[in-house]
């Protein structure tokens, strides 16, 4: 497989993500979905906050320079929303 990262995002055994979650335009909605997925997962290795944040960071890092600035801004705002939802500072 040429692009293993895309396959990981689609078929991760750690979290069952909603389809297209990283393409949504609302950081709060993305964060809520990631939180729900992380809390419902029975296969994750870390606590829900770490699992959700790891999946988000994985997506951002794999997109790299191909991630448009406006998309990167939304996803970075999602990190803040996740911290709020999980009551982390």
PDB file of N, CA and C in Angstrom:
ATOM      1  N   UNK A   1       0.842  -1.178   0.000  1.00  0.00           N
ATOM      2  CA  UNK A   1       0.000   0.000   0.000  1.00  0.00           C
ATOM      3  C   UNK A   1       0.888   1.242   0.000  1.00  0.00           C
ATOM      4  N   UNK A   2       0.572   2.167  -0.855  1.00  0.00           N
ATOM      5  CA  UNK A   2       1.407   3.345  -1.009  1.00  0.00           C
ATOM      6  C   UNK A   2       1.203   4.346   0.124  1.00  0.00           C
ATOM      7  N   UNK A   3      -0.023   4.620   0.519  1.00  0.00           N
ATOM      8  CA  UNK A   3      -0.310   5.615   1.557  1.00  0.00           C
ATOM      9  C   UNK A   3      -0.945   4.935   2.764  1.00  0.00           C
ATOM     10  N   UNK A   4      -0.126   4.400   3.647  1.00  0.00           N
ATOM     11  CA  UNK A   4      -0.640   3.685   4.807  1.00  0.00           C
ATOM     12  C   UNK A   4      -1.406   4.597   5.750  1.00  0.00           C
ATOM     13  N   UNK A   5      -1.050   5.899   5.809  1.00  0.00           N
ATOM     14  CA  UNK A   5      -1.699   6.806   6.758  1.00  0.00           C
ATOM     15  C   UNK A   5      -3.178   7.009   6.444  1.00  0.00           C
ATOM     16  N   UNK A   6      -3.512   7.076   5.171  1.00  0.00           N
ATOM     17  CA  UNK A   6      -4.923   7.203   4.793  1.00  0.00           C
ATOM     18  C   UNK A   6      -5.712   5.984   5.198  1.00  0.00           C
ATOM     19  N   UNK A   7      -5.099   4.824   5.046  1.00  0.00           N
ATOM     20  CA  UNK A   7      -5.757   3.577   5.437  1.00  0.00           C
ATOM     21  C   UNK A   7      -5.939   3.525   6.959  1.00  0.00           C
ATOM     22  N   UNK A   8      -4.953   3.971   7.714  1.00  0.00           N
ATOM     23  CA  UNK A   8      -5.063   3.992   9.173  1.00  0.00           C
ATOM     24  C   UNK A   8      -6.223   4.889   9.598  1.00  0.00           C
ATOM     25  N   UNK A   9      -6.328   6.060   8.974  1.00  0.00           N
ATOM     26  CA  UNK A   9      -7.410   6.985   9.315  1.00  0.00           C
ATOM     27  C   UNK A   9      -8.770   6.349   9.040  1.00  0.00           C
ATOM     28  N   UNK A  10      -8.869   5.602   7.957  1.00  0.00           N
ATOM     29  CA  UNK A  10     -10.143   4.976   7.588  1.00  0.00           C
ATOM     30  C   UNK A  10     -10.463   3.745   8.418  1.00  0.00           C
ATOM     31  N   UNK A  11      -9.448   2.960   8.766  1.00  0.00           N
ATOM     32  CA  UNK A  11      -9.696   1.653   9.374  1.00  0.00           C
ATOM     33  C   UNK A  11      -9.053   1.499  10.744  1.00  0.00           C
ATOM     34  N   UNK A  12      -8.831   2.579  11.440  1.00  0.00           N
ATOM     35  CA  UNK A  12      -8.196   2.501  12.752  1.00  0.00           C
ATOM     36  C   UNK A  12      -8.946   1.537  13.665  1.00  0.00           C
ATOM     37  N   UNK A  13      -8.196   0.687  14.335  1.00  0.00           N
ATOM     38  CA  UNK A  13      -8.847  -0.215  15.274  1.00  0.00           C
ATOM     39  C   UNK A  13      -9.018   0.445  16.641  1.00  0.00           C
ATOM     40  N   UNK A  14      -8.427   1.614  16.810  1.00  0.00           N
ATOM     41  CA  UNK A  14      -8.512   2.292  18.099  1.00  0.00           C
ATOM     42  C   UNK A  14      -9.839   3.020  18.261  1.00  0.00           C
ATOM     43  N   UNK A  15     -10.276   3.704  17.235  1.00  0.00           N
ATOM     44  CA  UNK A  15     -11.506   4.490  17.310  1.00  0.00           C
ATOM     45  C   UNK A  15     -12.357   4.263  16.068  1.00  0.00           C
ATOM     46  N   UNK A  16     -13.655   4.203  16.262  1.00  0.00           N
ATOM     47  CA  UNK A  16     -14.589   4.164  15.145  1.00  0.00           C
ATOM     48  C   UNK A  16     -15.043   5.594  14.900  1.00  0.00           C
ATOM     49  N   UNK A  17     -14.457   6.225  13.891  1.00  0.00           N
ATOM     50  CA  UNK A  17     -14.736   7.624  13.609  1.00  0.00           C
ATOM     51  C   UNK A  17     -15.956   7.776  12.708  1.00  0.00           C
ATOM     52  N   UNK A  18     -16.672   8.875  12.893  1.00  0.00           N
ATOM     53  CA  UNK A  18     -17.769   9.180  11.981  1.00  0.00           C
ATOM     54  C   UNK A  18     -17.175   9.508  10.619  1.00  0.00           C
ATOM     55  N   UNK A  19     -17.873   9.137   9.588  1.00  0.00           N
ATOM     56  CA  UNK A  19     -17.394   9.356   8.220  1.00  0.00           C
ATOM     57  C   UNK A  19     -17.194  10.855   7.958  1.00  0.00           C
ATOM     58  N   UNK A  20     -16.007  11.201   7.483  1.00  0.00           N
ATOM     59  CA  UNK A  20     -15.704  12.576   7.115  1.00  0.00           C
ATOM     60  C   UNK A  20     -15.520  13.545   8.266  1.00  0.00           C
ATOM     61  N   UNK A  21     -15.346  13.038   9.469  1.00  0.00           N
ATOM     62  CA  UNK A  21     -15.279  13.904  10.656  1.00  0.00           C
ATOM     63  C   UNK A  21     -14.234  15.012  10.522  1.00  0.00           C
ATOM     64  N   UNK A  22     -13.104  14.728   9.898  1.00  0.00           N
ATOM     65  CA  UNK A  22     -12.040  15.729   9.798  1.00  0.00           C
ATOM     66  C   UNK A  22     -12.291  16.760   8.701  1.00  0.00           C
ATOM     67  N   UNK A  23     -13.351  16.592   7.941  1.00  0.00           N
ATOM     68  CA  UNK A  23     -13.680  17.559   6.890  1.00  0.00           C
ATOM     69  C   UNK A  23     -14.760  18.535   7.333  1.00  0.00           C
ATOM     70  N   UNK A  24     -15.326  18.317   8.496  1.00  0.00           N
ATOM     71  CA  UNK A  24     -16.383  19.198   8.981  1.00  0.00           C
ATOM     72  C   UNK A  24     -15.824  20.584   9.264  1.00  0.00           C
ATOM     73  N   UNK A  25     -16.678  21.606   9.220  1.00  0.00           N
ATOM     74  CA  UNK A  25     -16.247  22.984   9.413  1.00  0.00           C
ATOM     75  C   UNK A  25     -16.397  23.518  10.820  1.00  0.00           C
ATOM     76  N   UNK A  26     -16.980  22.738  11.714  1.00  0.00           N
ATOM     77  CA  UNK A  26     -17.245  23.212  13.066  1.00  0.00           C
ATOM     78  C   UNK A  26     -16.334  22.481  14.065  1.00  0.00           C
ATOM     79  N   UNK A  27     -15.339  23.182  14.651  1.00  0.00           N
ATOM     80  CA  UNK A  27     -14.408  22.540  15.577  1.00  0.00           C
ATOM     81  C   UNK A  27     -15.098  21.883  16.773  1.00  0.00           C
ATOM     82  N   UNK A  28     -16.148  22.514  17.263  1.00  0.00           N
ATOM     83  CA  UNK A  28     -16.848  21.955  18.425  1.00  0.00           C
ATOM     84  C   UNK A  28     -17.532  20.635  18.063  1.00  0.00           C
ATOM     85  N   UNK A  29     -18.119  20.578  16.876  1.00  0.00           N
ATOM     86  CA  UNK A  29     -18.786  19.363  16.415  1.00  0.00           C
ATOM     87  C   UNK A  29     -17.766  18.235  16.203  1.00  0.00           C
ATOM     88  N   UNK A  30     -16.607  18.588  15.631  1.00  0.00           N
ATOM     89  CA  UNK A  30     -15.549  17.592  15.435  1.00  0.00           C
ATOM     90  C   UNK A  30     -15.093  17.053  16.791  1.00  0.00           C
ATOM     91  N   UNK A  31     -14.864  17.954  17.741  1.00  0.00           N
ATOM     92  CA  UNK A  31     -14.405  17.555  19.073  1.00  0.00           C
ATOM     93  C   UNK A  31     -15.425  16.656  19.767  1.00  0.00           C
ATOM     94  N   UNK A  32     -16.696  16.993  19.657  1.00  0.00           N
ATOM     95  CA  UNK A  32     -17.741  16.178  20.276  1.00  0.00           C
ATOM     96  C   UNK A  32     -17.760  14.779  19.672  1.00  0.00           C
ATOM     97  N   UNK A  33     -17.588  14.695  18.359  1.00  0.00           N
ATOM     98  CA  UNK A  33     -17.563  13.403  17.688  1.00  0.00           C
ATOM     99  C   UNK A  33     -16.353  12.583  18.123  1.00  0.00           C
ATOM    100  N   UNK A  34     -15.183  13.209  18.185  1.00  0.00           N
ATOM    101  CA  UNK A  34     -13.972  12.504  18.621  1.00  0.00           C
ATOM    102  C   UNK A  34     -14.112  12.026  20.063  1.00  0.00           C
ATOM    103  N   UNK A  35     -14.678  12.861  20.911  1.00  0.00           N
ATOM    104  CA  UNK A  35     -14.886  12.497  22.315  1.00  0.00           C
ATOM    105  C   UNK A  35     -15.809  11.290  22.413  1.00  0.00           C
ATOM    106  N   UNK A  36     -16.914  11.340  21.696  1.00  0.00           N
ATOM    107  CA  UNK A  36     -17.873  10.242  21.701  1.00  0.00           C
ATOM    108  C   UNK A  36     -17.212   8.948  21.207  1.00  0.00           C
ATOM    109  N   UNK A  37     -16.461   9.035  20.110  1.00  0.00           N
ATOM    110  CA  UNK A  37     -15.786   7.860  19.561  1.00  0.00           C
ATOM    111  C   UNK A  37     -14.781   7.281  20.555  1.00  0.00           C
ATOM    112  N   UNK A  38     -14.026   8.154  21.202  1.00  0.00           N
ATOM    113  CA  UNK A  38     -13.011   7.705  22.154  1.00  0.00           C
ATOM    114  C   UNK A  38     -13.644   7.071  23.390  1.00  0.00           C
ATOM    115  N   UNK A  39     -14.721   7.640  23.870  1.00  0.00           N
ATOM    116  CA  UNK A  39     -15.370   7.100  25.067  1.00  0.00           C
ATOM    117  C   UNK A  39     -16.076   5.773  24.785  1.00  0.00           C
ATOM    118  N   UNK A  40     -16.565   5.600  23.559  1.00  0.00           N
ATOM    119  CA  UNK A  40     -17.285   4.373  23.208  1.00  0.00           C
ATOM    120  C   UNK A  40     -16.363   3.235  22.797  1.00  0.00           C
ATOM    121  N   UNK A  41     -15.119   3.558  22.469  1.00  0.00           N
ATOM    122  CA  UNK A  41     -14.189   2.540  21.991  1.00  0.00           C
ATOM    123  C   UNK A  41     -13.820   1.559  23.107  1.00  0.00           C
ATOM    124  N   UNK A  42     -13.809   0.288  22.746  1.00  0.00           N
ATOM    125  CA  UNK A  42     -13.368  -0.741  23.692  1.00  0.00           C
ATOM    126  C   UNK A  42     -11.966  -1.224  23.326  1.00  0.00           C
ATOM    127  N   UNK A  43     -11.388  -0.666  22.258  1.00  0.00           N
ATOM    128  CA  UNK A  43     -10.089  -1.130  21.778  1.00  0.00           C
ATOM    129  C   UNK A  43      -8.963  -0.122  22.007  1.00  0.00           C
ATOM    130  N   UNK A  44      -9.262   1.031  22.551  1.00  0.00           N
ATOM    131  CA  UNK A  44      -8.218   2.043  22.724  1.00  0.00           C
ATOM    132  C   UNK A  44      -7.246   1.616  23.820  1.00  0.00           C
ATOM    133  N   UNK A  45      -6.026   2.117  23.718  1.00  0.00           N
ATOM    134  CA  UNK A  45      -4.986   1.759  24.679  1.00  0.00           C
ATOM    135  C   UNK A  45      -4.786   2.829  25.743  1.00  0.00           C
ATOM    136  N   UNK A  46      -5.204   4.047  25.462  1.00  0.00           N
ATOM    137  CA  UNK A  46      -5.019   5.163  26.399  1.00  0.00           C
ATOM    138  C   UNK A  46      -6.387   5.641  26.898  1.00  0.00           C
ATOM    139  N   UNK A  47      -6.375   6.677  27.739  1.00  0.00           N
ATOM    140  CA  UNK A  47      -7.651   7.225  28.194  1.00  0.00           C
ATOM    141  C   UNK A  47      -8.331   7.949  27.029  1.00  0.00           C
ATOM    142  N   UNK A  48      -9.635   8.215  27.135  1.00  0.00           N
ATOM    143  CA  UNK A  48     -10.367   8.812  26.013  1.00  0.00           C
ATOM    144  C   UNK A  48      -9.778  10.123  25.491  1.00  0.00           C
ATOM    145  N   UNK A  49      -9.337  11.003  26.394  1.00  0.00           N
ATOM    146  CA  UNK A  49      -8.763  12.275  25.956  1.00  0.00           C
ATOM    147  C   UNK A  49      -7.531  12.031  25.079  1.00  0.00           C
ATOM    148  N   UNK A  50      -6.618  11.195  25.570  1.00  0.00           N
ATOM    149  CA  UNK A  50      -5.391  10.924  24.810  1.00  0.00           C
ATOM    150  C   UNK A  50      -5.696  10.259  23.475  1.00  0.00           C
ATOM    151  N   UNK A  51      -6.656   9.364  23.455  1.00  0.00           N
ATOM    152  CA  UNK A  51      -7.014   8.682  22.210  1.00  0.00           C
ATOM    153  C   UNK A  51      -7.579   9.662  21.189  1.00  0.00           C
ATOM    154  N   UNK A  52      -8.479  10.524  21.631  1.00  0.00           N
ATOM    155  CA  UNK A  52      -9.087  11.501  20.726  1.00  0.00           C
ATOM    156  C   UNK A  52      -8.042  12.483  20.210  1.00  0.00           C
ATOM    157  N   UNK A  53      -7.208  12.994  21.100  1.00  0.00           N
ATOM    158  CA  UNK A  53      -6.180  13.956  20.709  1.00  0.00           C
ATOM    159  C   UNK A  53      -5.145  13.299  19.793  1.00  0.00           C
ATOM    160  N   UNK A  54      -4.799  12.054  20.063  1.00  0.00           N
ATOM    161  CA  UNK A  54      -3.832  11.348  19.222  1.00  0.00           C
ATOM    162  C   UNK A  54      -4.350  11.164  17.807  1.00  0.00           C
ATOM    163  N   UNK A  55      -5.620  10.813  17.683  1.00  0.00           N
ATOM    164  CA  UNK A  55      -6.189  10.622  16.344  1.00  0.00           C
ATOM    165  C   UNK A  55      -6.216  11.954  15.590  1.00  0.00           C
ATOM    166  N   UNK A  56      -6.564  13.029  16.275  1.00  0.00           N
ATOM    167  CA  UNK A  56      -6.581  14.354  15.653  1.00  0.00           C
ATOM    168  C   UNK A  56      -5.168  14.760  15.218  1.00  0.00           C
ATOM    169  N   UNK A  57      -4.195  14.598  16.108  1.00  0.00           N
ATOM    170  CA  UNK A  57      -2.811  14.936  15.770  1.00  0.00           C
ATOM    171  C   UNK A  57      -2.277  14.065  14.645  1.00  0.00           C
ATOM    172  N   UNK A  58      -2.631  12.798  14.649  1.00  0.00           N
ATOM    173  CA  UNK A  58      -2.215  11.896  13.583  1.00  0.00           C
ATOM    174  C   UNK A  58      -2.715  12.426  12.242  1.00  0.00           C
ATOM    175  N   UNK A  59      -3.981  12.816  12.195  1.00  0.00           N
ATOM    176  CA  UNK A  59      -4.552  13.321  10.944  1.00  0.00           C
ATOM    177  C   UNK A  59      -3.831  14.595  10.493  1.00  0.00           C
ATOM    178  N   UNK A  60      -3.623  15.524  11.418  1.00  0.00           N
ATOM    179  CA  UNK A  60      -2.951  16.791  11.087  1.00  0.00           C
ATOM    180  C   UNK A  60      -1.527  16.531  10.597  1.00  0.00           C
ATOM    181  N   UNK A  61      -0.803  15.678  11.295  1.00  0.00           N
ATOM    182  CA  UNK A  61       0.591  15.395  10.931  1.00  0.00           C
ATOM    183  C   UNK A  61       0.714  14.675   9.602  1.00  0.00           C
ATOM    184  N   UNK A  62      -0.184  13.755   9.335  1.00  0.00           N
ATOM    185  CA  UNK A  62      -0.130  13.011   8.080  1.00  0.00           C
ATOM    186  C   UNK A  62      -0.491  13.898   6.895  1.00  0.00           C
ATOM    187  N   UNK A  63      -1.377  14.854   7.100  1.00  0.00           N
ATOM    188  CA  UNK A  63      -1.755  15.765   6.010  1.00  0.00           C
ATOM    189  C   UNK A  63      -0.587  16.686   5.683  1.00  0.00           C
ATOM    190  N   UNK A  64       0.172  17.052   6.715  1.00  0.00           N
ATOM    191  CA  UNK A  64       1.376  17.850   6.525  1.00  0.00           C
ATOM    192  C   UNK A  64       1.161  19.116   5.726  1.00  0.00           C
ATOM    193  N   UNK A  65       2.039  19.330   4.757  1.00  0.00           N
ATOM    194  CA  UNK A  65       1.991  20.557   3.960  1.00  0.00           C
ATOM    195  C   UNK A  65       0.801  20.597   3.013  1.00  0.00           C
ATOM    196  N   UNK A  66       0.131  19.471   2.820  1.00  0.00           N
ATOM    197  CA  UNK A  66      -1.046  19.436   1.955  1.00  0.00           C
ATOM    198  C   UNK A  66      -2.304  19.966   2.643  1.00  0.00           C
ATOM    199  N   UNK A  67      -2.219  20.191   3.939  1.00  0.00           N
ATOM    200  CA  UNK A  67      -3.363  20.695   4.697  1.00  0.00           C
ATOM    201  C   UNK A  67      -3.470  22.201   4.495  1.00  0.00           C
ATOM    202  N   UNK A  68      -4.593  22.637   3.971  1.00  0.00           N
ATOM    203  CA  UNK A  68      -4.790  24.065   3.710  1.00  0.00           C
ATOM    204  C   UNK A  68      -4.821  24.834   5.029  1.00  0.00           C
ATOM    205  N   UNK A  69      -4.337  26.086   5.024  1.00  0.00           N
ATOM    206  CA  UNK A  69      -4.282  26.877   6.259  1.00  0.00           C
ATOM    207  C   UNK A  69      -5.625  26.993   6.979  1.00  0.00           C
ATOM    208  N   UNK A  70      -6.706  27.163   6.230  1.00  0.00           N
ATOM    209  CA  UNK A  70      -8.012  27.296   6.897  1.00  0.00           C
ATOM    210  C   UNK A  70      -8.444  25.975   7.551  1.00  0.00           C
ATOM    211  N   UNK A  71      -8.095  24.851   6.942  1.00  0.00           N
ATOM    212  CA  UNK A  71      -8.409  23.530   7.509  1.00  0.00           C
ATOM    213  C   UNK A  71      -7.560  23.309   8.748  1.00  0.00           C
ATOM    214  N   UNK A  72      -6.261  23.662   8.672  1.00  0.00           N
ATOM    215  CA  UNK A  72      -5.367  23.526   9.825  1.00  0.00           C
ATOM    216  C   UNK A  72      -5.881  24.358  11.004  1.00  0.00           C
ATOM    217  N   UNK A  73      -6.378  25.568  10.717  1.00  0.00           N
ATOM    218  CA  UNK A  73      -6.905  26.431  11.771  1.00  0.00           C
ATOM    219  C   UNK A  73      -8.104  25.774  12.455  1.00  0.00           C
ATOM    220  N   UNK A  74      -9.007  25.210  11.666  1.00  0.00           N
ATOM    221  CA  UNK A  74     -10.185  24.538  12.234  1.00  0.00           C
ATOM    222  C   UNK A  74      -9.753  23.354  13.100  1.00  0.00           C
ATOM    223  N   UNK A  75      -8.810  22.573  12.606  1.00  0.00           N
ATOM    224  CA  UNK A  75      -8.376  21.398  13.363  1.00  0.00           C
ATOM    225  C   UNK A  75      -7.604  21.779  14.622  1.00  0.00           C
ATOM    226  N   UNK A  76      -6.859  22.871  14.575  1.00  0.00           N
ATOM    227  CA  UNK A  76      -6.184  23.341  15.793  1.00  0.00           C
ATOM    228  C   UNK A  76      -7.199  23.883  16.804  1.00  0.00           C
ATOM    229  N   UNK A  77      -8.262  24.498  16.325  1.00  0.00           N
ATOM    230  CA  UNK A  77      -9.336  24.933  17.219  1.00  0.00           C
ATOM    231  C   UNK A  77     -10.034  23.722  17.836  1.00  0.00           C
ATOM    232  N   UNK A  78     -10.076  22.628  17.090  1.00  0.00           N
ATOM    233  CA  UNK A  78     -10.663  21.396  17.605  1.00  0.00           C
ATOM    234  C   UNK A  78      -9.886  20.893  18.811  1.00  0.00           C
ATOM    235  N   UNK A  79      -8.567  21.060  18.797  1.00  0.00           N
ATOM    236  CA  UNK A  79      -7.761  20.669  19.956  1.00  0.00           C
ATOM    237  C   UNK A  79      -8.217  21.411  21.205  1.00  0.00           C
ATOM    238  N   UNK A  80      -8.439  22.715  21.059  1.00  0.00           N
ATOM    239  CA  UNK A  80      -8.908  23.515  22.199  1.00  0.00           C
ATOM    240  C   UNK A  80     -10.282  23.046  22.673  1.00  0.00           C
ATOM    241  N   UNK A  81     -11.151  22.735  21.722  1.00  0.00           N
ATOM    242  CA  UNK A  81     -12.491  22.251  22.070  1.00  0.00           C
ATOM    243  C   UNK A  81     -12.415  20.911  22.807  1.00  0.00           C
ATOM    244  N   UNK A  82     -11.507  20.040  22.364  1.00  0.00           N
ATOM    245  CA  UNK A  82     -11.322  18.758  23.056  1.00  0.00           C
ATOM    246  C   UNK A  82     -10.871  18.977  24.497  1.00  0.00           C
ATOM    247  N   UNK A  83      -9.933  19.903  24.673  1.00  0.00           N
ATOM    248  CA  UNK A  83      -9.459  20.202  26.033  1.00  0.00           C
ATOM    249  C   UNK A  83     -10.605  20.700  26.908  1.00  0.00           C
ATOM    250  N   UNK A  84     -11.468  21.528  26.356  1.00  0.00           N
ATOM    251  CA  UNK A  84     -12.630  22.028  27.107  1.00  0.00           C
ATOM    252  C   UNK A  84     -13.590  20.886  27.464  1.00  0.00           C
ATOM    253  N   UNK A  85     -13.881  20.043  26.482  1.00  0.00           N
ATOM    254  CA  UNK A  85     -14.820  18.939  26.700  1.00  0.00           C
ATOM    255  C   UNK A  85     -14.330  17.970  27.775  1.00  0.00           C
ATOM    256  N   UNK A  86     -13.011  17.746  27.791  1.00  0.00           N
ATOM    257  CA  UNK A  86     -12.431  16.820  28.761  1.00  0.00           C
ATOM    258  C   UNK A  86     -11.943  17.536  30.029  1.00  0.00           C
ATOM    259  N   UNK A  87     -12.216  18.845  30.094  1.00  0.00           N
ATOM    260  CA  UNK A  87     -11.820  19.660  31.253  1.00  0.00           C
ATOM    261  C   UNK A  87     -10.313  19.568  31.523  1.00  0.00           C
ATOM    262  N   UNK A  88      -9.538  19.750  30.441  1.00  0.00           N
ATOM    263  CA  UNK A  88      -8.073  19.775  30.526  1.00  0.00           C
ATOM    264  C   UNK A  88      -7.607  21.177  30.188  1.00  0.00           C
ATOM    265  N   UNK A  89      -6.510  21.605  30.763  1.00  0.00           N
ATOM    266  CA  UNK A  89      -5.996  22.939  30.443  1.00  0.00           C
ATOM    267  C   UNK A  89      -4.775  22.863  29.568  1.00  0.00           C
TER     268      UNK A  89
END
